[in-house]
Structures are given as C-alpha cells and as structure tokens.
Amino acid sequence: MDETKILAEQFEANRNRLRAVAYRMLGSSNEADDAVQEAWLRLNRSDTGDVANLGGWLTTVVARICLDILRSRKSRREEPMGPDVPEPVHDTEAFEQEVHLADSVGTALLVVLDTLAPAERLAFVLHDMFAVPFEEIAPIVARSPAAARQLASRARRRVQGAPAVGEPDLNHKRKIVDAFLAASRDGDFEDLLMVLDPDVVLRADPTAARMGSPAEVRGAAAVAQMFKGRAQAAKPALVDGVIGAAVIFGGRLRIVLNLTITNDRIAGIEAIADPASIEALDVEVLASDGASS
C-alpha cells in the first residue's frame, strides 16, 4: 500500500472529528468543509513521518485554519450571520448528517460562540468540547498554557450566561493596573511592591528579551526593580477582553503586557513583543476614563 493511500485512510478516519471541530469553530458547514479540505491539502504537502499522533496534528492544523478564518472575519468587521442552517439536499444521508451536526451543537450555543473573540472561541472549543490540553492549545493562539486556560475560562463564563469580564470586576482590576503603571512611571519602589504578588513571575518572549527584558524574573522585589521608572510609554488596555497594558512609542504598539491579577495583586506578567503575536491579539488601549480608544 503506497504512502498516499495510507495517509488518505488515516485522514478519512479523522474526518468526522475534524469537521465537528471546524463546525463548532466556524458555525458554518460550508466553511467547515473548506477547512477540512485545506487540512487535507496541507497534509499532502507536509512530511509527517515523525508525527506520532496524526489525529492531534490534524486537529491543530484545522484549528489554525479556523482561527485564520475567524480573524479574517473580524478584520473585515463582518457582522455574525448566525449559525448555518442546513438546506434540503437530494442526498438524504448527507442532509441527515448536516442536521445531526447542527443539533449536536445547538443553535443557541453557536450564537453565543459568535460573540467570543477568535482566540477565546478556539480555546473553549478545543478544550471544553474536544478535551485538547492547554499545552497543545497554547502555541496555536500564541499564548502560554496559563493564558490559554484564561481564554477558555472567560469563554466558559460567557457561554454559561455570565459576562466574560463584568464591569465591576473590570473597573476594580483597572485601578490595580493604573496603580502599577503610575508607580512604575514615578519610580516608586514601595508602591510597586504594594501591587505585586510576593511570588509574581514575569516572562518575556524572545523579541522582548532582545529589547532588553529578561526572559524570566521571579519575586516582587526583582520585578519591582525591573519596572521602576520604566513604564513611561505604557497605557492600560484590554487584551482579548482582559485588562492588561500596551506599550506604544513611535506611534506603534511595541509591547503587550498580559497581566494575571490574583487577590488584588499582579501575580503574573507576560511581555509579548513579537509582531506576529501582537497582530493575533485583540488590543484596545483604554483612555483615561476607561473607555477604549
């Protein structure tokens, strides 16, 4: 049996799962079919000799394709069209499969999923619906596993009927971020310590590290010393719907700070400076009154 035939059989064995993933991501059976077909084309162009789990590899490929489609929709500012309702077809078996696929998700859930940011939708669908570990989701959305977990958690709350970020919670965390940035700009070491968790961890991507940030810093004193007097160009921002900070100079967004706030203190800081990773984020710089600008 030649290699192409083996790959085709393995792909067919995964087709239903891949289509289910794509449909939940996109809410459109036609786009789901296109995504699965693109995955097949990429499989044929790729060397998968060292791939131990082809099903997982294909799921990742389909997820990346769907994420690109969702981001393309967002960049065009398209209004969600709602879930795709199967049209009657002459092939009875195909029509029954369409109806089963739509029913298995539920129209109401698809409507809610349409309100999520692309990265949130992907993290929620892959983890909560298909049990994909956050360690595998993280590189797809260009986040750390912890950040991918947060994306899924916010999406889960919205799906369950609660806002992903409630106004009281957002306003409260905004005050913490404002205090952090003000203390950094003023070079106030003691005030920095007040808003940092004693065990805070800062991690920087390779691009941020090349710009002078250490790859990893642990502990409030070390992080406070690093930020002392440095946040002159930083502004509070919503990063994928969660409060964080954006560093803008030369008229460009240069660094995004993902902030994890626990017990009213900043417990984690993720510095992202890679242009491609920043492009994948939904960043809204907040004005002085807390509105987006």
Protein backbone atom coordinates (compact mmCIF):
# COMPACT_ATOMS: atom_id res chain seq x y z
CA MET A 1 0.00 0.00 0.00
CA ASP A 2 1.54 3.34 -1.03
CA GLU A 3 2.05 6.20 1.38
CA THR A 4 -0.62 8.43 -0.18
CA LYS A 5 -3.26 5.76 0.24
CA ILE A 6 -2.25 5.21 3.87
CA LEU A 7 -2.48 8.94 4.56
CA ALA A 8 -5.87 9.09 2.84
CA GLU A 9 -7.22 6.28 5.01
CA GLN A 10 -5.89 7.89 8.18
CA PHE A 11 -7.37 11.22 7.16
CA GLU A 12 -10.77 9.66 6.48
CA ALA A 13 -10.66 8.03 9.91
CA ASN A 14 -10.33 11.53 11.41
CA ARG A 15 -12.64 13.40 9.03
CA ASN A 16 -15.77 13.40 11.20
CA ARG A 17 -13.89 14.71 14.22
CA LEU A 18 -12.14 17.37 12.15
CA ARG A 19 -15.42 18.52 10.64
CA ALA A 20 -17.00 18.67 14.09
CA VAL A 21 -14.13 20.83 15.35
CA ALA A 22 -14.36 23.13 12.33
CA TYR A 23 -18.15 23.46 12.55
CA ARG A 24 -18.02 24.42 16.22
CA MET A 25 -15.28 26.92 15.47
CA LEU A 26 -16.97 28.49 12.44
CA GLY A 27 -20.70 27.81 12.75
CA SER A 28 -20.88 27.15 9.02
CA SER A 29 -20.98 23.73 7.42
CA ASN A 30 -19.62 25.08 4.13
CA GLU A 31 -16.66 26.78 5.80
CA ALA A 32 -16.11 23.70 7.93
CA ASP A 33 -15.85 21.58 4.79
CA ASP A 34 -13.41 24.09 3.28
CA ALA A 35 -11.26 23.99 6.41
CA VAL A 36 -11.16 20.20 6.41
CA GLN A 37 -10.28 20.14 2.71
CA GLU A 38 -7.46 22.65 3.31
CA ALA A 39 -6.17 20.38 6.09
CA TRP A 40 -6.06 17.50 3.61
CA LEU A 41 -4.07 19.62 1.17
CA ARG A 42 -1.62 20.63 3.88
CA LEU A 43 -1.27 17.01 4.94
CA ASN A 44 -0.26 16.09 1.41
CA ARG A 45 2.33 18.88 1.35
CA SER A 46 3.83 18.02 4.72
CA ASP A 47 6.38 15.49 5.92
CA THR A 48 4.53 13.68 8.70
CA GLY A 49 7.00 10.85 9.09
CA ASP A 50 7.89 11.97 12.62
CA VAL A 51 4.30 12.74 13.68
CA ALA A 52 3.37 10.31 16.45
CA ASN A 53 -0.28 11.40 16.73
CA LEU A 54 -1.68 12.24 13.31
CA GLY A 55 -5.14 12.90 14.70
CA GLY A 56 -3.75 15.53 17.05
CA TRP A 57 -1.64 17.02 14.27
CA LEU A 58 -4.69 17.32 12.01
CA THR A 59 -6.78 18.85 14.80
CA THR A 60 -4.10 21.50 15.28
CA VAL A 61 -3.99 22.22 11.54
CA VAL A 62 -7.78 22.58 11.31
CA ALA A 63 -7.79 24.80 14.41
CA ARG A 64 -5.17 27.12 12.88
CA ILE A 65 -7.14 27.32 9.62
CA CYS A 66 -10.35 28.13 11.51
CA LEU A 67 -8.57 30.74 13.62
CA ASP A 68 -7.34 32.46 10.46
CA ILE A 69 -10.90 32.46 9.08
CA LEU A 70 -12.32 33.93 12.30
CA ARG A 71 -9.65 36.64 12.38
CA SER A 72 -10.30 37.42 8.73
CA ARG A 73 -13.98 37.91 9.54
CA LYS A 74 -13.05 40.22 12.41
CA SER A 75 -10.62 42.26 10.31
CA ARG A 76 -13.35 42.81 7.74
CA ARG A 77 -15.70 43.84 10.57
CA GLU A 78 -18.31 41.39 9.36
CA GLU A 79 -21.43 41.03 11.44
CA PRO A 80 -22.04 37.43 12.56
CA MET A 81 -24.52 35.82 10.23
CA GLY A 82 -25.69 33.31 12.82
CA PRO A 83 -25.32 29.57 12.64
CA ASP A 84 -25.54 27.89 9.28
CA VAL A 85 -28.92 26.22 8.84
CA PRO A 86 -28.71 23.16 6.58
CA GLU A 87 -30.61 23.50 3.34
CA PRO A 88 -32.53 20.50 1.98
CA VAL A 89 -30.40 18.40 -0.33
CA HIS A 90 -31.15 15.49 -2.61
CA ASP A 91 -28.71 13.23 -0.73
CA THR A 92 -30.82 12.12 2.25
CA GLU A 93 -27.85 10.71 4.17
CA ALA A 94 -25.86 13.93 3.71
CA PHE A 95 -28.83 16.01 4.88
CA GLU A 96 -29.26 13.84 7.98
CA GLN A 97 -25.57 14.31 8.77
CA GLU A 98 -25.97 18.10 8.46
CA VAL A 99 -28.97 18.11 10.80
CA HIS A 100 -27.19 15.87 13.31
CA LEU A 101 -24.14 18.16 13.28
CA ALA A 102 -26.25 21.26 13.88
CA ASP A 103 -28.33 19.59 16.58
CA SER A 104 -25.25 18.27 18.38
CA VAL A 105 -24.01 21.82 18.90
CA GLY A 106 -27.25 23.72 19.33
CA THR A 107 -28.23 26.97 17.69
CA ALA A 108 -28.17 28.89 20.97
CA LEU A 109 -24.60 27.83 21.70
CA LEU A 110 -23.45 28.80 18.22
CA VAL A 111 -24.98 32.25 18.67
CA VAL A 112 -23.05 32.69 21.93
CA LEU A 113 -19.84 31.38 20.37
CA ASP A 114 -20.17 34.06 17.69
CA THR A 115 -19.78 36.71 20.40
CA LEU A 116 -16.38 35.40 21.54
CA ALA A 117 -13.03 36.68 20.40
CA PRO A 118 -11.36 34.21 17.97
CA ALA A 119 -8.75 33.03 20.48
CA GLU A 120 -11.40 32.59 23.18
CA ARG A 121 -13.58 30.56 20.87
CA LEU A 122 -10.72 28.31 19.84
CA ALA A 123 -9.55 27.69 23.41
CA PHE A 124 -13.08 26.91 24.59
CA VAL A 125 -13.99 24.65 21.67
CA LEU A 126 -10.76 22.66 21.71
CA HIS A 127 -10.55 22.23 25.48
CA ASP A 128 -14.14 22.05 26.67
CA MET A 129 -15.62 20.23 23.68
CA PHE A 130 -12.72 18.10 22.48
CA ALA A 131 -10.50 17.75 25.59
CA VAL A 132 -7.39 19.16 23.90
CA PRO A 133 -4.80 20.01 26.62
CA PHE A 134 -3.92 23.67 27.12
CA GLU A 135 -0.28 22.79 26.43
CA GLU A 136 -1.34 21.98 22.86
CA ILE A 137 -3.73 24.92 22.55
CA ALA A 138 -1.15 27.48 23.73
CA PRO A 139 1.07 27.54 20.61
CA ILE A 140 -1.98 27.79 18.32
CA VAL A 141 -3.09 31.04 19.98
CA ALA A 142 0.48 32.25 20.66
CA ARG A 143 -0.01 32.25 24.42
CA SER A 144 1.35 30.44 27.44
CA PRO A 145 -0.70 27.45 28.68
CA ALA A 146 -1.86 29.58 31.63
CA ALA A 147 -3.06 32.33 29.29
CA ALA A 148 -4.82 29.75 27.09
CA ARG A 149 -6.56 28.46 30.22
CA GLN A 150 -7.75 32.01 30.96
CA LEU A 151 -9.13 32.36 27.43
CA ALA A 152 -11.19 29.19 27.85
CA SER A 153 -12.33 30.25 31.32
CA ARG A 154 -13.62 33.62 30.08
CA ALA A 155 -15.39 31.95 27.17
CA ARG A 156 -16.92 29.37 29.51
CA ARG A 157 -18.36 32.07 31.76
CA ARG A 158 -19.95 33.82 28.80
CA VAL A 159 -21.35 30.56 27.43
CA GLN A 160 -22.83 29.85 30.85
CA GLY A 161 -24.60 33.19 30.79
CA ALA A 162 -22.22 35.48 32.68
CA PRO A 163 -20.20 38.28 31.08
CA ALA A 164 -16.62 37.33 30.34
CA VAL A 165 -15.49 40.42 32.21
CA GLY A 166 -18.09 42.13 34.38
CA GLU A 167 -17.94 45.89 34.68
CA PRO A 168 -17.33 45.91 38.46
CA ASP A 169 -14.52 43.37 38.07
CA LEU A 170 -13.04 45.26 35.13
CA ASN A 171 -13.13 48.59 36.93
CA HIS A 172 -11.54 47.10 40.02
CA LYS A 173 -8.71 45.49 38.08
CA ARG A 174 -8.27 48.68 36.06
CA LYS A 175 -7.46 50.51 39.30
CA ILE A 176 -4.80 47.92 40.14
CA VAL A 177 -3.23 48.29 36.69
CA ASP A 178 -3.38 52.09 36.90
CA ALA A 179 -1.61 51.93 40.26
CA PHE A 180 1.05 49.60 38.86
CA LEU A 181 1.76 51.82 35.85
CA ALA A 182 1.77 55.01 37.93
CA ALA A 183 4.23 53.53 40.43
CA SER A 184 6.41 52.34 37.56
CA ARG A 185 6.42 55.74 35.86
CA ASP A 186 7.16 57.52 39.16
CA GLY A 187 9.90 55.08 40.07
CA ASP A 188 8.14 54.36 43.38
CA PHE A 189 9.59 51.05 44.52
CA GLU A 190 7.38 50.74 47.60
CA ASP A 191 4.17 51.37 45.68
CA LEU A 192 5.22 48.76 43.13
CA LEU A 193 5.64 46.23 45.91
CA MET A 194 2.12 47.05 47.11
CA VAL A 195 0.51 45.95 43.83
CA LEU A 196 2.76 42.96 43.09
CA ASP A 197 2.18 39.49 44.50
CA PRO A 198 5.26 38.38 46.51
CA ASP A 199 5.66 35.43 44.12
CA VAL A 200 4.96 37.34 40.91
CA VAL A 201 6.60 35.92 37.78
CA LEU A 202 7.44 37.93 34.68
CA ARG A 203 8.10 36.11 31.42
CA ALA A 204 9.15 37.75 28.16
CA ASP A 205 9.05 36.34 24.66
CA PRO A 206 12.32 36.23 22.67
CA THR A 207 11.58 39.54 20.93
CA ALA A 208 11.00 41.33 24.24
CA ALA A 209 14.17 39.72 25.58
CA ARG A 210 16.12 41.15 22.64
CA MET A 211 14.70 44.56 23.53
CA GLY A 212 16.29 44.33 26.96
CA SER A 213 13.75 42.48 29.08
CA PRO A 214 14.98 39.41 31.00
CA ALA A 215 13.39 36.19 29.78
CA GLU A 216 12.13 35.46 33.29
CA VAL A 217 12.09 37.36 36.58
CA ARG A 218 10.67 35.98 39.83
CA GLY A 219 9.66 37.72 43.02
CA ALA A 220 8.13 41.11 43.80
CA ALA A 221 11.40 42.84 44.65
CA ALA A 222 13.09 41.79 41.40
CA VAL A 223 10.07 42.65 39.24
CA ALA A 224 9.60 45.99 41.00
CA GLN A 225 13.24 46.85 40.42
CA MET A 226 12.90 45.98 36.75
CA PHE A 227 9.80 48.18 36.26
CA LYS A 228 10.99 51.07 38.42
CA GLY A 229 10.87 54.18 36.26
CA ARG A 230 10.28 52.24 33.03
CA ALA A 231 6.58 52.35 32.09
CA GLN A 232 6.64 55.83 30.57
CA ALA A 233 5.00 54.68 27.33
CA ALA A 234 2.65 52.09 28.83
CA LYS A 235 -1.11 52.52 28.91
CA PRO A 236 -3.86 50.33 30.34
CA ALA A 237 -5.52 48.21 27.68
CA LEU A 238 -7.93 45.37 27.13
CA VAL A 239 -6.05 42.38 25.76
CA ASP A 240 -8.52 39.85 24.36
CA GLY A 241 -11.08 41.37 26.68
CA VAL A 242 -8.92 41.21 29.82
CA ILE A 243 -7.23 44.15 31.49
CA GLY A 244 -3.54 44.46 30.68
CA ALA A 245 -1.19 47.10 29.34
CA ALA A 246 0.13 48.26 25.98
CA VAL A 247 3.47 49.94 25.36
CA ILE A 248 3.24 52.40 22.48
CA PHE A 249 6.05 54.52 21.13
CA GLY A 250 6.81 55.88 17.70
CA GLY A 251 3.09 55.63 17.02
CA ARG A 252 3.21 51.83 17.10
CA LEU A 253 2.16 49.14 19.53
CA ARG A 254 5.51 47.64 20.55
CA ILE A 255 4.85 45.50 23.62
CA VAL A 256 1.73 43.97 25.14
CA LEU A 257 1.67 43.03 28.81
CA ASN A 258 -0.73 40.23 29.71
CA LEU A 259 -1.41 40.64 33.43
CA THR A 260 -2.72 37.97 35.78
CA ILE A 261 -4.36 39.54 38.83
CA THR A 262 -5.00 37.37 41.89
CA ASN A 263 -6.23 38.57 45.28
CA ASP A 264 -5.93 42.21 44.16
CA ARG A 265 -2.27 41.87 43.21
CA ILE A 266 -0.46 41.25 39.96
CA ALA A 267 0.73 37.64 40.10
CA GLY A 268 1.89 37.20 36.51
CA ILE A 269 3.22 39.40 33.72
CA GLU A 270 3.69 38.11 30.17
CA ALA A 271 5.57 40.53 27.90
CA ILE A 272 4.79 40.00 24.22
CA ALA A 273 6.79 41.92 21.61
CA ASP A 274 6.81 39.57 18.63
CA PRO A 275 4.92 41.47 15.87
CA ALA A 276 3.08 38.38 14.64
CA SER A 277 1.95 37.50 18.16
CA ILE A 278 0.79 41.08 18.79
CA GLU A 279 -1.12 41.06 15.50
CA ALA A 280 -3.00 37.99 16.71
CA LEU A 281 -4.19 39.81 19.84
CA ASP A 282 -7.31 41.93 20.19
CA VAL A 283 -5.85 45.03 21.92
CA GLU A 284 -7.93 48.07 22.88
CA VAL A 285 -5.99 50.88 24.52
CA LEU A 286 -8.06 52.46 27.29
CA ALA A 287 -8.48 56.19 27.58
CA SER A 288 -8.12 57.97 30.90
CA ASP A 289 -11.80 57.40 31.69
CA GLY A 290 -11.52 53.67 30.98
CA ALA A 291 -13.08 53.81 27.53
CA SER A 292 -11.34 52.25 24.57
CA SER A 293 -9.51 54.47 22.15
